[in-house]
Amino acid sequence: MRPMSLKIGYVGAGFVARFQLAALKQVRGAELAGVTALRGAPELAAMARSAGAGDPVVYSSISDMAPHVDCVAIFAPNFARIPIMEEIAAAVKAGAALKGVICEKPLGRNMVEARRLVELARSAD
């Protein structure tokens, strides 16, 4: 029987994503399966392959990536989190079967943004 694998998709490919990739290598049963970012996605995907942390596909958007991963990790700047979560929620409503979303702290720059992210998550169940 093949071991179960949690396929994670990263939104963002900067410092935090690279740092989290180093940690992901230590997690049994998890792999980086997809990356989407404004810059650096091909390089992060290559790093994951060379580190044995997965064979991620570089996607042009969250909507394209969401149907191919189990979980989306938001490792993008704080100011971009609401539009990112809106796209994740829309992808789930369109049929992506995500098991969860990881968001690097802080959740938002203020309580209004943090509450909006929670609302979006709840709207997508």
PDB file of N, CA and C in Angstrom:
ATOM      1  N   MET A   1       0.841  -1.173   0.000  1.00  0.00           N
ATOM      2  CA  MET A   1       0.000   0.000   0.000  1.00  0.00           C
ATOM      3  C   MET A   1       0.890   1.240   0.000  1.00  0.00           C
ATOM      4  N   ARG A   2       0.563   2.203  -0.848  1.00  0.00           N
ATOM      5  CA  ARG A   2       1.338   3.434  -0.983  1.00  0.00           C
ATOM      6  C   ARG A   2       1.053   4.378   0.185  1.00  0.00           C
ATOM      7  N   PRO A   3       2.094   5.011   0.758  1.00  0.00           N
ATOM      8  CA  PRO A   3       1.844   5.943   1.858  1.00  0.00           C
ATOM      9  C   PRO A   3       1.012   7.130   1.398  1.00  0.00           C
ATOM     10  N   MET A   4       0.158   7.594   2.297  1.00  0.00           N
ATOM     11  CA  MET A   4      -0.676   8.747   1.996  1.00  0.00           C
ATOM     12  C   MET A   4       0.192   9.991   1.905  1.00  0.00           C
ATOM     13  N   SER A   5      -0.143  10.882   0.982  1.00  0.00           N
ATOM     14  CA  SER A   5       0.621  12.109   0.816  1.00  0.00           C
ATOM     15  C   SER A   5      -0.321  13.308   0.845  1.00  0.00           C
ATOM     16  N   LEU A   6       0.058  14.315   1.595  1.00  0.00           N
ATOM     17  CA  LEU A   6      -0.667  15.573   1.613  1.00  0.00           C
ATOM     18  C   LEU A   6       0.002  16.488   0.605  1.00  0.00           C
ATOM     19  N   LYS A   7      -0.720  16.843  -0.437  1.00  0.00           N
ATOM     20  CA  LYS A   7      -0.190  17.689  -1.505  1.00  0.00           C
ATOM     21  C   LYS A   7      -0.469  19.142  -1.161  1.00  0.00           C
ATOM     22  N   ILE A   8       0.606  19.900  -0.942  1.00  0.00           N
ATOM     23  CA  ILE A   8       0.491  21.291  -0.539  1.00  0.00           C
ATOM     24  C   ILE A   8       0.833  22.192  -1.715  1.00  0.00           C
ATOM     25  N   GLY A   9       0.056  23.263  -1.861  1.00  0.00           N
ATOM     26  CA  GLY A   9       0.332  24.279  -2.866  1.00  0.00           C
ATOM     27  C   GLY A   9       0.721  25.573  -2.175  1.00  0.00           C
ATOM     28  N   TYR A  10       1.811  26.175  -2.598  1.00  0.00           N
ATOM     29  CA  TYR A  10       2.278  27.428  -2.019  1.00  0.00           C
ATOM     30  C   TYR A  10       1.820  28.600  -2.871  1.00  0.00           C
ATOM     31  N   VAL A  11       1.325  29.630  -2.204  1.00  0.00           N
ATOM     32  CA  VAL A  11       1.087  30.924  -2.836  1.00  0.00           C
ATOM     33  C   VAL A  11       2.178  31.831  -2.292  1.00  0.00           C
ATOM     34  N   GLY A  12       3.129  32.152  -3.148  1.00  0.00           N
ATOM     35  CA  GLY A  12       4.298  32.922  -2.742  1.00  0.00           C
ATOM     36  C   GLY A  12       5.529  32.056  -2.844  1.00  0.00           C
ATOM     37  N   ALA A  13       6.650  32.680  -3.201  1.00  0.00           N
ATOM     38  CA  ALA A  13       7.889  31.929  -3.379  1.00  0.00           C
ATOM     39  C   ALA A  13       9.089  32.693  -2.817  1.00  0.00           C
ATOM     40  N   GLY A  14       8.829  33.589  -1.882  1.00  0.00           N
ATOM     41  CA  GLY A  14       9.894  34.396  -1.314  1.00  0.00           C
ATOM     42  C   GLY A  14      10.538  33.758  -0.101  1.00  0.00           C
ATOM     43  N   PHE A  15      11.074  34.603   0.772  1.00  0.00           N
ATOM     44  CA  PHE A  15      11.827  34.149   1.934  1.00  0.00           C
ATOM     45  C   PHE A  15      11.032  33.166   2.789  1.00  0.00           C
ATOM     46  N   VAL A  16       9.807  33.519   3.139  1.00  0.00           N
ATOM     47  CA  VAL A  16       9.009  32.666   4.024  1.00  0.00           C
ATOM     48  C   VAL A  16       8.722  31.324   3.360  1.00  0.00           C
ATOM     49  N   ALA A  17       8.388  31.338   2.082  1.00  0.00           N
ATOM     50  CA  ALA A  17       8.116  30.081   1.367  1.00  0.00           C
ATOM     51  C   ALA A  17       9.363  29.196   1.342  1.00  0.00           C
ATOM     52  N   ARG A  18      10.503  29.790   1.147  1.00  0.00           N
ATOM     53  CA  ARG A  18      11.754  29.015   1.122  1.00  0.00           C
ATOM     54  C   ARG A  18      12.065  28.456   2.505  1.00  0.00           C
ATOM     55  N   PHE A  19      11.830  29.249   3.522  1.00  0.00           N
ATOM     56  CA  PHE A  19      12.034  28.808   4.892  1.00  0.00           C
ATOM     57  C   PHE A  19      11.090  27.638   5.205  1.00  0.00           C
ATOM     58  N   GLN A  20       9.827  27.764   4.805  1.00  0.00           N
ATOM     59  CA  GLN A  20       8.845  26.707   5.050  1.00  0.00           C
ATOM     60  C   GLN A  20       9.161  25.450   4.238  1.00  0.00           C
ATOM     61  N   LEU A  21       9.752  25.619   3.070  1.00  0.00           N
ATOM     62  CA  LEU A  21      10.165  24.456   2.276  1.00  0.00           C
ATOM     63  C   LEU A  21      11.197  23.631   3.040  1.00  0.00           C
ATOM     64  N   ALA A  22      12.129  24.304   3.704  1.00  0.00           N
ATOM     65  CA  ALA A  22      13.127  23.590   4.504  1.00  0.00           C
ATOM     66  C   ALA A  22      12.441  22.782   5.604  1.00  0.00           C
ATOM     67  N   ALA A  23      11.396  23.346   6.218  1.00  0.00           N
ATOM     68  CA  ALA A  23      10.653  22.635   7.256  1.00  0.00           C
ATOM     69  C   ALA A  23       9.827  21.498   6.659  1.00  0.00           C
ATOM     70  N   LEU A  24       9.249  21.722   5.482  1.00  0.00           N
ATOM     71  CA  LEU A  24       8.403  20.712   4.844  1.00  0.00           C
ATOM     72  C   LEU A  24       9.180  19.425   4.564  1.00  0.00           C
ATOM     73  N   LYS A  25      10.455  19.550   4.284  1.00  0.00           N
ATOM     74  CA  LYS A  25      11.273  18.357   4.034  1.00  0.00           C
ATOM     75  C   LYS A  25      11.241  17.395   5.219  1.00  0.00           C
ATOM     76  N   GLN A  26      10.976  17.911   6.408  1.00  0.00           N
ATOM     77  CA  GLN A  26      10.977  17.097   7.628  1.00  0.00           C
ATOM     78  C   GLN A  26       9.621  16.453   7.913  1.00  0.00           C
ATOM     79  N   VAL A  27       8.599  16.779   7.131  1.00  0.00           N
ATOM     80  CA  VAL A  27       7.241  16.304   7.404  1.00  0.00           C
ATOM     81  C   VAL A  27       6.959  15.064   6.559  1.00  0.00           C
ATOM     82  N   ARG A  28       6.844  13.956   7.233  1.00  0.00           N
ATOM     83  CA  ARG A  28       6.569  12.697   6.548  1.00  0.00           C
ATOM     84  C   ARG A  28       5.158  12.745   5.956  1.00  0.00           C
ATOM     85  N   GLY A  29       5.013  12.321   4.714  1.00  0.00           N
ATOM     86  CA  GLY A  29       3.700  12.242   4.090  1.00  0.00           C
ATOM     87  C   GLY A  29       3.202  13.544   3.500  1.00  0.00           C
ATOM     88  N   ALA A  30       4.047  14.556   3.449  1.00  0.00           N
ATOM     89  CA  ALA A  30       3.646  15.836   2.845  1.00  0.00           C
ATOM     90  C   ALA A  30       4.628  16.186   1.736  1.00  0.00           C
ATOM     91  N   GLU A  31       4.116  16.831   0.707  1.00  0.00           N
ATOM     92  CA  GLU A  31       4.969  17.225  -0.410  1.00  0.00           C
ATOM     93  C   GLU A  31       4.489  18.547  -0.999  1.00  0.00           C
ATOM     94  N   LEU A  32       5.418  19.296  -1.541  1.00  0.00           N
ATOM     95  CA  LEU A  32       5.059  20.498  -2.271  1.00  0.00           C
ATOM     96  C   LEU A  32       4.643  20.059  -3.672  1.00  0.00           C
ATOM     97  N   ALA A  33       3.372  20.266  -3.997  1.00  0.00           N
ATOM     98  CA  ALA A  33       2.829  19.788  -5.268  1.00  0.00           C
ATOM     99  C   ALA A  33       2.598  20.911  -6.268  1.00  0.00           C
ATOM    100  N   GLY A  34       2.524  22.162  -5.783  1.00  0.00           N
ATOM    101  CA  GLY A  34       2.271  23.277  -6.676  1.00  0.00           C
ATOM    102  C   GLY A  34       2.756  24.581  -6.080  1.00  0.00           C
ATOM    103  N   VAL A  35       3.085  25.516  -6.969  1.00  0.00           N
ATOM    104  CA  VAL A  35       3.522  26.849  -6.549  1.00  0.00           C
ATOM    105  C   VAL A  35       2.941  27.866  -7.524  1.00  0.00           C
ATOM    106  N   THR A  36       2.442  28.961  -6.966  1.00  0.00           N
ATOM    107  CA  THR A  36       2.063  30.097  -7.785  1.00  0.00           C
ATOM    108  C   THR A  36       2.571  31.347  -7.080  1.00  0.00           C
ATOM    109  N   ALA A  37       3.182  32.226  -7.832  1.00  0.00           N
ATOM    110  CA  ALA A  37       3.760  33.443  -7.260  1.00  0.00           C
ATOM    111  C   ALA A  37       4.021  34.437  -8.385  1.00  0.00           C
ATOM    112  N   LEU A  38       4.094  35.697  -8.014  1.00  0.00           N
ATOM    113  CA  LEU A  38       4.424  36.722  -9.005  1.00  0.00           C
ATOM    114  C   LEU A  38       5.867  36.584  -9.485  1.00  0.00           C
ATOM    115  N   ARG A  39       6.745  36.185  -8.562  1.00  0.00           N
ATOM    116  CA  ARG A  39       8.158  36.002  -8.896  1.00  0.00           C
ATOM    117  C   ARG A  39       8.691  34.793  -8.131  1.00  0.00           C
ATOM    118  N   GLY A  40       9.632  34.098  -8.746  1.00  0.00           N
ATOM    119  CA  GLY A  40      10.381  33.061  -8.048  1.00  0.00           C
ATOM    120  C   GLY A  40       9.790  31.671  -7.997  1.00  0.00           C
ATOM    121  N   ALA A  41       8.624  31.450  -8.588  1.00  0.00           N
ATOM    122  CA  ALA A  41       8.007  30.121  -8.511  1.00  0.00           C
ATOM    123  C   ALA A  41       8.861  29.033  -9.171  1.00  0.00           C
ATOM    124  N   PRO A  42       9.414  29.254 -10.366  1.00  0.00           N
ATOM    125  CA  PRO A  42      10.234  28.187 -10.963  1.00  0.00           C
ATOM    126  C   PRO A  42      11.456  27.836 -10.106  1.00  0.00           C
ATOM    127  N   GLU A  43      12.057  28.843  -9.503  1.00  0.00           N
ATOM    128  CA  GLU A  43      13.225  28.592  -8.657  1.00  0.00           C
ATOM    129  C   GLU A  43      12.842  27.803  -7.407  1.00  0.00           C
ATOM    130  N   LEU A  44      11.708  28.159  -6.781  1.00  0.00           N
ATOM    131  CA  LEU A  44      11.261  27.423  -5.600  1.00  0.00           C
ATOM    132  C   LEU A  44      10.913  25.981  -5.961  1.00  0.00           C
ATOM    133  N   ALA A  45      10.281  25.777  -7.094  1.00  0.00           N
ATOM    134  CA  ALA A  45       9.947  24.423  -7.548  1.00  0.00           C
ATOM    135  C   ALA A  45      11.219  23.602  -7.753  1.00  0.00           C
ATOM    136  N   ALA A  46      12.234  24.208  -8.332  1.00  0.00           N
ATOM    137  CA  ALA A  46      13.509  23.514  -8.537  1.00  0.00           C
ATOM    138  C   ALA A  46      14.163  23.178  -7.201  1.00  0.00           C
ATOM    139  N   MET A  47      14.072  24.097  -6.240  1.00  0.00           N
ATOM    140  CA  MET A  47      14.620  23.827  -4.903  1.00  0.00           C
ATOM    141  C   MET A  47      13.916  22.635  -4.259  1.00  0.00           C
ATOM    142  N   ALA A  48      12.591  22.581  -4.401  1.00  0.00           N
ATOM    143  CA  ALA A  48      11.829  21.478  -3.822  1.00  0.00           C
ATOM    144  C   ALA A  48      12.249  20.150  -4.439  1.00  0.00           C
ATOM    145  N   ARG A  49      12.407  20.138  -5.757  1.00  0.00           N
ATOM    146  CA  ARG A  49      12.814  18.905  -6.431  1.00  0.00           C
ATOM    147  C   ARG A  49      14.191  18.451  -5.942  1.00  0.00           C
ATOM    148  N   SER A  50      15.137  19.388  -5.893  1.00  0.00           N
ATOM    149  CA  SER A  50      16.497  19.008  -5.502  1.00  0.00           C
ATOM    150  C   SER A  50      16.572  18.598  -4.027  1.00  0.00           C
ATOM    151  N   ALA A  51      15.643  19.101  -3.208  1.00  0.00           N
ATOM    152  CA  ALA A  51      15.627  18.753  -1.783  1.00  0.00           C
ATOM    153  C   ALA A  51      14.811  17.498  -1.500  1.00  0.00           C
ATOM    154  N   GLY A  52      14.152  16.963  -2.522  1.00  0.00           N
ATOM    155  CA  GLY A  52      13.319  15.778  -2.319  1.00  0.00           C
ATOM    156  C   GLY A  52      12.030  16.080  -1.581  1.00  0.00           C
ATOM    157  N   ALA A  53      11.540  17.324  -1.714  1.00  0.00           N
ATOM    158  CA  ALA A  53      10.311  17.743  -1.016  1.00  0.00           C
ATOM    159  C   ALA A  53       9.102  17.749  -1.941  1.00  0.00           C
ATOM    160  N   GLY A  54       9.222  17.137  -3.089  1.00  0.00           N
ATOM    161  CA  GLY A  54       8.112  17.074  -4.033  1.00  0.00           C
ATOM    162  C   GLY A  54       8.557  17.398  -5.442  1.00  0.00           C
ATOM    163  N   ASP A  55       7.628  17.304  -6.347  1.00  0.00           N
ATOM    164  CA  ASP A  55       7.865  17.640  -7.756  1.00  0.00           C
ATOM    165  C   ASP A  55       6.789  18.649  -8.157  1.00  0.00           C
ATOM    166  N   PRO A  56       6.877  19.866  -7.618  1.00  0.00           N
ATOM    167  CA  PRO A  56       5.778  20.823  -7.807  1.00  0.00           C
ATOM    168  C   PRO A  56       5.657  21.336  -9.236  1.00  0.00           C
ATOM    169  N   VAL A  57       4.412  21.583  -9.596  1.00  0.00           N
ATOM    170  CA  VAL A  57       4.071  22.223 -10.859  1.00  0.00           C
ATOM    171  C   VAL A  57       3.946  23.718 -10.583  1.00  0.00           C
ATOM    172  N   VAL A  58       4.440  24.535 -11.491  1.00  0.00           N
ATOM    173  CA  VAL A  58       4.280  25.982 -11.381  1.00  0.00           C
ATOM    174  C   VAL A  58       2.985  26.348 -12.092  1.00  0.00           C
ATOM    175  N   TYR A  59       2.079  26.962 -11.353  1.00  0.00           N
ATOM    176  CA  TYR A  59       0.782  27.355 -11.891  1.00  0.00           C
ATOM    177  C   TYR A  59       0.725  28.866 -12.067  1.00  0.00           C
ATOM    178  N   SER A  60      -0.090  29.296 -13.006  1.00  0.00           N
ATOM    179  CA  SER A  60      -0.225  30.728 -13.270  1.00  0.00           C
ATOM    180  C   SER A  60      -1.189  31.413 -12.312  1.00  0.00           C
ATOM    181  N   SER A  61      -1.998  30.629 -11.600  1.00  0.00           N
ATOM    182  CA  SER A  61      -2.964  31.237 -10.680  1.00  0.00           C
ATOM    183  C   SER A  61      -3.349  30.239  -9.588  1.00  0.00           C
ATOM    184  N   ILE A  62      -3.937  30.778  -8.542  1.00  0.00           N
ATOM    185  CA  ILE A  62      -4.464  29.943  -7.463  1.00  0.00           C
ATOM    186  C   ILE A  62      -5.589  29.070  -7.997  1.00  0.00           C
ATOM    187  N   SER A  63      -6.433  29.638  -8.827  1.00  0.00           N
ATOM    188  CA  SER A  63      -7.562  28.897  -9.399  1.00  0.00           C
ATOM    189  C   SER A  63      -7.094  27.680 -10.185  1.00  0.00           C
ATOM    190  N   ASP A  64      -5.975  27.823 -10.895  1.00  0.00           N
ATOM    191  CA  ASP A  64      -5.428  26.697 -11.646  1.00  0.00           C
ATOM    192  C   ASP A  64      -4.817  25.646 -10.725  1.00  0.00           C
ATOM    193  N   MET A  65      -4.199  26.090  -9.629  1.00  0.00           N
ATOM    194  CA  MET A  65      -3.506  25.177  -8.724  1.00  0.00           C
ATOM    195  C   MET A  65      -4.458  24.432  -7.785  1.00  0.00           C
ATOM    196  N   ALA A  66      -5.488  25.108  -7.292  1.00  0.00           N
ATOM    197  CA  ALA A  66      -6.350  24.569  -6.231  1.00  0.00           C
ATOM    198  C   ALA A  66      -6.920  23.175  -6.514  1.00  0.00           C
ATOM    199  N   PRO A  67      -7.348  22.854  -7.727  1.00  0.00           N
ATOM    200  CA  PRO A  67      -7.887  21.507  -7.955  1.00  0.00           C
ATOM    201  C   PRO A  67      -6.853  20.389  -7.880  1.00  0.00           C
ATOM    202  N   HIS A  68      -5.570  20.737  -7.841  1.00  0.00           N
ATOM    203  CA  HIS A  68      -4.509  19.731  -7.897  1.00  0.00           C
ATOM    204  C   HIS A  68      -3.775  19.550  -6.570  1.00  0.00           C
ATOM    205  N   VAL A  69      -4.211  20.262  -5.528  1.00  0.00           N
ATOM    206  CA  VAL A  69      -3.561  20.150  -4.219  1.00  0.00           C
ATOM    207  C   VAL A  69      -4.616  19.887  -3.152  1.00  0.00           C
ATOM    208  N   ASP A  70      -4.160  19.431  -1.992  1.00  0.00           N
ATOM    209  CA  ASP A  70      -5.065  19.177  -0.868  1.00  0.00           C
ATOM    210  C   ASP A  70      -5.187  20.380   0.053  1.00  0.00           C
ATOM    211  N   CYS A  71      -4.163  21.201   0.054  1.00  0.00           N
ATOM    212  CA  CYS A  71      -4.078  22.306   0.993  1.00  0.00           C
ATOM    213  C   CYS A  71      -3.325  23.453   0.324  1.00  0.00           C
ATOM    214  N   VAL A  72      -3.715  24.679   0.607  1.00  0.00           N
ATOM    215  CA  VAL A  72      -3.018  25.844   0.078  1.00  0.00           C
ATOM    216  C   VAL A  72      -2.381  26.594   1.247  1.00  0.00           C
ATOM    217  N   ALA A  73      -1.104  26.902   1.109  1.00  0.00           N
ATOM    218  CA  ALA A  73      -0.373  27.664   2.121  1.00  0.00           C
ATOM    219  C   ALA A  73      -0.118  29.072   1.577  1.00  0.00           C
ATOM    220  N   ILE A  74      -0.598  30.067   2.303  1.00  0.00           N
ATOM    221  CA  ILE A  74      -0.429  31.467   1.891  1.00  0.00           C
ATOM    222  C   ILE A  74       0.845  32.003   2.515  1.00  0.00           C
ATOM    223  N   PHE A  75       1.862  32.183   1.684  1.00  0.00           N
ATOM    224  CA  PHE A  75       3.140  32.735   2.116  1.00  0.00           C
ATOM    225  C   PHE A  75       3.442  33.991   1.313  1.00  0.00           C
ATOM    226  N   ALA A  76       2.444  34.827   1.177  1.00  0.00           N
ATOM    227  CA  ALA A  76       2.550  36.081   0.437  1.00  0.00           C
ATOM    228  C   ALA A  76       2.428  37.239   1.429  1.00  0.00           C
ATOM    229  N   PRO A  77       2.779  38.442   1.008  1.00  0.00           N
ATOM    230  CA  PRO A  77       2.713  39.592   1.919  1.00  0.00           C
ATOM    231  C   PRO A  77       1.306  39.838   2.471  1.00  0.00           C
ATOM    232  N   ASN A  78       1.262  40.420   3.660  1.00  0.00           N
ATOM    233  CA  ASN A  78      -0.007  40.679   4.352  1.00  0.00           C
ATOM    234  C   ASN A  78      -1.019  41.421   3.490  1.00  0.00           C
ATOM    235  N   PHE A  79      -0.577  42.423   2.749  1.00  0.00           N
ATOM    236  CA  PHE A  79      -1.515  43.243   1.977  1.00  0.00           C
ATOM    237  C   PHE A  79      -2.206  42.466   0.870  1.00  0.00           C
ATOM    238  N   ALA A  80      -1.679  41.311   0.510  1.00  0.00           N
ATOM    239  CA  ALA A  80      -2.250  40.517  -0.587  1.00  0.00           C
ATOM    240  C   ALA A  80      -3.166  39.401  -0.110  1.00  0.00           C
ATOM    241  N   ARG A  81      -3.334  39.247   1.177  1.00  0.00           N
ATOM    242  CA  ARG A  81      -4.026  38.060   1.691  1.00  0.00           C
ATOM    243  C   ARG A  81      -5.516  38.024   1.377  1.00  0.00           C
ATOM    244  N   ILE A  82      -6.196  39.141   1.423  1.00  0.00           N
ATOM    245  CA  ILE A  82      -7.642  39.113   1.129  1.00  0.00           C
ATOM    246  C   ILE A  82      -7.895  38.690  -0.316  1.00  0.00           C
ATOM    247  N   PRO A  83      -7.248  39.302  -1.313  1.00  0.00           N
ATOM    248  CA  PRO A  83      -7.488  38.817  -2.688  1.00  0.00           C
ATOM    249  C   PRO A  83      -7.095  37.354  -2.887  1.00  0.00           C
ATOM    250  N   ILE A  84      -6.044  36.915  -2.204  1.00  0.00           N
ATOM    251  CA  ILE A  84      -5.638  35.513  -2.307  1.00  0.00           C
ATOM    252  C   ILE A  84      -6.728  34.610  -1.740  1.00  0.00           C
ATOM    253  N   MET A  85      -7.224  34.956  -0.567  1.00  0.00           N
ATOM    254  CA  MET A  85      -8.271  34.139   0.064  1.00  0.00           C
ATOM    255  C   MET A  85      -9.561  34.192  -0.737  1.00  0.00           C
ATOM    256  N   GLU A  86      -9.853  35.328  -1.364  1.00  0.00           N
ATOM    257  CA  GLU A  86     -11.035  35.402  -2.237  1.00  0.00           C
ATOM    258  C   GLU A  86     -10.904  34.415  -3.389  1.00  0.00           C
ATOM    259  N   GLU A  87      -9.705  34.325  -3.958  1.00  0.00           N
ATOM    260  CA  GLU A  87      -9.501  33.387  -5.067  1.00  0.00           C
ATOM    261  C   GLU A  87      -9.560  31.933  -4.592  1.00  0.00           C
ATOM    262  N   ILE A  88      -9.036  31.666  -3.403  1.00  0.00           N
ATOM    263  CA  ILE A  88      -9.119  30.307  -2.853  1.00  0.00           C
ATOM    264  C   ILE A  88     -10.581  29.926  -2.628  1.00  0.00           C
ATOM    265  N   ALA A  89     -11.347  30.824  -1.997  1.00  0.00           N
ATOM    266  CA  ALA A  89     -12.770  30.550  -1.729  1.00  0.00           C
ATOM    267  C   ALA A  89     -13.527  30.323  -3.037  1.00  0.00           C
ATOM    268  N   ALA A  90     -13.240  31.116  -4.050  1.00  0.00           N
ATOM    269  CA  ALA A  90     -13.904  30.951  -5.349  1.00  0.00           C
ATOM    270  C   ALA A  90     -13.543  29.601  -5.967  1.00  0.00           C
ATOM    271  N   ALA A  91     -12.297  29.189  -5.822  1.00  0.00           N
ATOM    272  CA  ALA A  91     -11.870  27.894  -6.377  1.00  0.00           C
ATOM    273  C   ALA A  91     -12.601  26.744  -5.685  1.00  0.00           C
ATOM    274  N   VAL A  92     -12.765  26.850  -4.372  1.00  0.00           N
ATOM    275  CA  VAL A  92     -13.485  25.805  -3.633  1.00  0.00           C
ATOM    276  C   VAL A  92     -14.946  25.781  -4.066  1.00  0.00           C
ATOM    277  N   LYS A  93     -15.553  26.937  -4.193  1.00  0.00           N
ATOM    278  CA  LYS A  93     -16.953  26.997  -4.625  1.00  0.00           C
ATOM    279  C   LYS A  93     -17.122  26.466  -6.041  1.00  0.00           C
ATOM    280  N   ALA A  94     -16.033  26.531  -6.841  1.00  0.00           N
ATOM    281  CA  ALA A  94     -16.075  26.014  -8.216  1.00  0.00           C
ATOM    282  C   ALA A  94     -15.738  24.529  -8.278  1.00  0.00           C
ATOM    283  N   GLY A  95     -15.432  23.911  -7.121  1.00  0.00           N
ATOM    284  CA  GLY A  95     -15.222  22.467  -7.124  1.00  0.00           C
ATOM    285  C   GLY A  95     -13.895  21.967  -6.599  1.00  0.00           C
ATOM    286  N   ALA A  96     -12.940  22.826  -6.304  1.00  0.00           N
ATOM    287  CA  ALA A  96     -11.667  22.363  -5.750  1.00  0.00           C
ATOM    288  C   ALA A  96     -11.932  21.759  -4.374  1.00  0.00           C
ATOM    289  N   ALA A  97     -11.429  20.575  -4.138  1.00  0.00           N
ATOM    290  CA  ALA A  97     -11.710  19.848  -2.894  1.00  0.00           C
ATOM    291  C   ALA A  97     -10.577  20.043  -1.883  1.00  0.00           C
ATOM    292  N   LEU A  98     -10.329  21.273  -1.513  1.00  0.00           N
ATOM    293  CA  LEU A  98      -9.267  21.548  -0.550  1.00  0.00           C
ATOM    294  C   LEU A  98      -9.647  21.047   0.834  1.00  0.00           C
ATOM    295  N   LYS A  99      -8.654  20.540   1.541  1.00  0.00           N
ATOM    296  CA  LYS A  99      -8.851  20.090   2.918  1.00  0.00           C
ATOM    297  C   LYS A  99      -8.560  21.214   3.906  1.00  0.00           C
ATOM    298  N   GLY A 100      -7.821  22.220   3.460  1.00  0.00           N
ATOM    299  CA  GLY A 100      -7.491  23.302   4.369  1.00  0.00           C
ATOM    300  C   GLY A 100      -6.660  24.390   3.737  1.00  0.00           C
ATOM    301  N   VAL A 101      -6.473  25.447   4.517  1.00  0.00           N
ATOM    302  CA  VAL A 101      -5.653  26.592   4.129  1.00  0.00           C
ATOM    303  C   VAL A 101      -4.727  26.902   5.293  1.00  0.00           C
ATOM    304  N   ILE A 102      -3.471  27.125   4.980  1.00  0.00           N
ATOM    305  CA  ILE A 102      -2.481  27.545   5.962  1.00  0.00           C
ATOM    306  C   ILE A 102      -2.186  29.006   5.671  1.00  0.00           C
ATOM    307  N   CYS A 103      -2.164  29.822   6.717  1.00  0.00           N
ATOM    308  CA  CYS A 103      -1.818  31.223   6.522  1.00  0.00           C
ATOM    309  C   CYS A 103      -0.734  31.597   7.522  1.00  0.00           C
ATOM    310  N   GLU A 104       0.367  32.053   6.992  1.00  0.00           N
ATOM    311  CA  GLU A 104       1.461  32.522   7.836  1.00  0.00           C
ATOM    312  C   GLU A 104       0.963  33.686   8.692  1.00  0.00           C
ATOM    313  N   LYS A 105       1.460  33.805   9.901  1.00  0.00           N
ATOM    314  CA  LYS A 105       1.009  34.880  10.776  1.00  0.00           C
ATOM    315  C   LYS A 105       1.631  36.204  10.375  1.00  0.00           C
ATOM    316  N   PRO A 106       1.007  37.307  10.696  1.00  0.00           N
ATOM    317  CA  PRO A 106      -0.326  37.439  11.271  1.00  0.00           C
ATOM    318  C   PRO A 106      -1.388  37.184  10.206  1.00  0.00           C
ATOM    319  N   LEU A 107      -2.570  36.826  10.650  1.00  0.00           N
ATOM    320  CA  LEU A 107      -3.659  36.529   9.729  1.00  0.00           C
ATOM    321  C   LEU A 107      -3.998  37.743   8.874  1.00  0.00           C
ATOM    322  N   GLY A 108      -4.002  38.918   9.481  1.00  0.00           N
ATOM    323  CA  GLY A 108      -4.269  40.162   8.758  1.00  0.00           C
ATOM    324  C   GLY A 108      -3.501  41.300   9.392  1.00  0.00           C
ATOM    325  N   ARG A 109      -3.488  42.430   8.721  1.00  0.00           N
ATOM    326  CA  ARG A 109      -2.792  43.590   9.273  1.00  0.00           C
ATOM    327  C   ARG A 109      -3.587  44.252  10.384  1.00  0.00           C
ATOM    328  N   ASN A 110      -4.870  43.907  10.456  1.00  0.00           N
ATOM    329  CA  ASN A 110      -5.745  44.448  11.497  1.00  0.00           C
ATOM    330  C   ASN A 110      -6.916  43.485  11.663  1.00  0.00           C
ATOM    331  N   MET A 111      -7.772  43.781  12.634  1.00  0.00           N
ATOM    332  CA  MET A 111      -8.906  42.883  12.908  1.00  0.00           C
ATOM    333  C   MET A 111      -9.891  42.812  11.742  1.00  0.00           C
ATOM    334  N   VAL A 112     -10.082  43.904  11.035  1.00  0.00           N
ATOM    335  CA  VAL A 112     -11.014  43.910   9.901  1.00  0.00           C
ATOM    336  C   VAL A 112     -10.537  42.911   8.843  1.00  0.00           C
ATOM    337  N   GLU A 113      -9.253  42.966   8.512  1.00  0.00           N
ATOM    338  CA  GLU A 113      -8.724  42.030   7.515  1.00  0.00           C
ATOM    339  C   GLU A 113      -8.777  40.589   8.027  1.00  0.00           C
ATOM    340  N   ALA A 114      -8.411  40.385   9.277  1.00  0.00           N
ATOM    341  CA  ALA A 114      -8.430  39.025   9.836  1.00  0.00           C
ATOM    342  C   ALA A 114      -9.847  38.456   9.812  1.00  0.00           C
ATOM    343  N   ARG A 115     -10.806  39.261  10.187  1.00  0.00           N
ATOM    344  CA  ARG A 115     -12.204  38.790  10.168  1.00  0.00           C
ATOM    345  C   ARG A 115     -12.660  38.486   8.745  1.00  0.00           C
ATOM    346  N   ARG A 116     -12.221  39.284   7.795  1.00  0.00           N
ATOM    347  CA  ARG A 116     -12.592  39.047   6.390  1.00  0.00           C
ATOM    348  C   ARG A 116     -12.041  37.690   5.920  1.00  0.00           C
ATOM    349  N   LEU A 117     -10.822  37.365   6.294  1.00  0.00           N
ATOM    350  CA  LEU A 117     -10.253  36.072   5.912  1.00  0.00           C
ATOM    351  C   LEU A 117     -11.059  34.929   6.531  1.00  0.00           C
ATOM    352  N   VAL A 118     -11.448  35.082   7.778  1.00  0.00           N
ATOM    353  CA  VAL A 118     -12.267  34.044   8.434  1.00  0.00           C
ATOM    354  C   VAL A 118     -13.620  33.924   7.735  1.00  0.00           C
ATOM    355  N   GLU A 119     -14.239  35.062   7.397  1.00  0.00           N
ATOM    356  CA  GLU A 119     -15.520  35.029   6.683  1.00  0.00           C
ATOM    357  C   GLU A 119     -15.401  34.289   5.356  1.00  0.00           C
ATOM    358  N   LEU A 120     -14.327  34.578   4.618  1.00  0.00           N
ATOM    359  CA  LEU A 120     -14.125  33.916   3.328  1.00  0.00           C
ATOM    360  C   LEU A 120     -13.947  32.413   3.512  1.00  0.00           C
ATOM    361  N   ALA A 121     -13.191  32.020   4.524  1.00  0.00           N
ATOM    362  CA  ALA A 121     -13.001  30.593   4.783  1.00  0.00           C
ATOM    363  C   ALA A 121     -14.339  29.939   5.117  1.00  0.00           C
ATOM    364  N   ARG A 122     -15.127  30.571   5.951  1.00  0.00           N
ATOM    365  CA  ARG A 122     -16.421  30.004   6.307  1.00  0.00           C
ATOM    366  C   ARG A 122     -17.358  29.938   5.109  1.00  0.00           C
ATOM    367  N   SER A 123     -17.292  30.947   4.235  1.00  0.00           N
ATOM    368  CA  SER A 123     -18.181  30.963   3.068  1.00  0.00           C
ATOM    369  C   SER A 123     -17.896  29.804   2.129  1.00  0.00           C
ATOM    370  N   ALA A 124     -16.662  29.310   2.162  1.00  0.00           N
ATOM    371  CA  ALA A 124     -16.281  28.166   1.313  1.00  0.00           C
ATOM    372  C   ALA A 124     -16.364  26.847   2.075  1.00  0.00           C
ATOM    373  N   ASP A 125     -16.775  26.926   3.323  1.00  0.00           N
ATOM    374  CA  ASP A 125     -16.925  25.755   4.205  1.00  0.00           C
ATOM    375  C   ASP A 125     -15.597  25.045   4.389  1.00  0.00           C
TER     376      ASP A 125
END
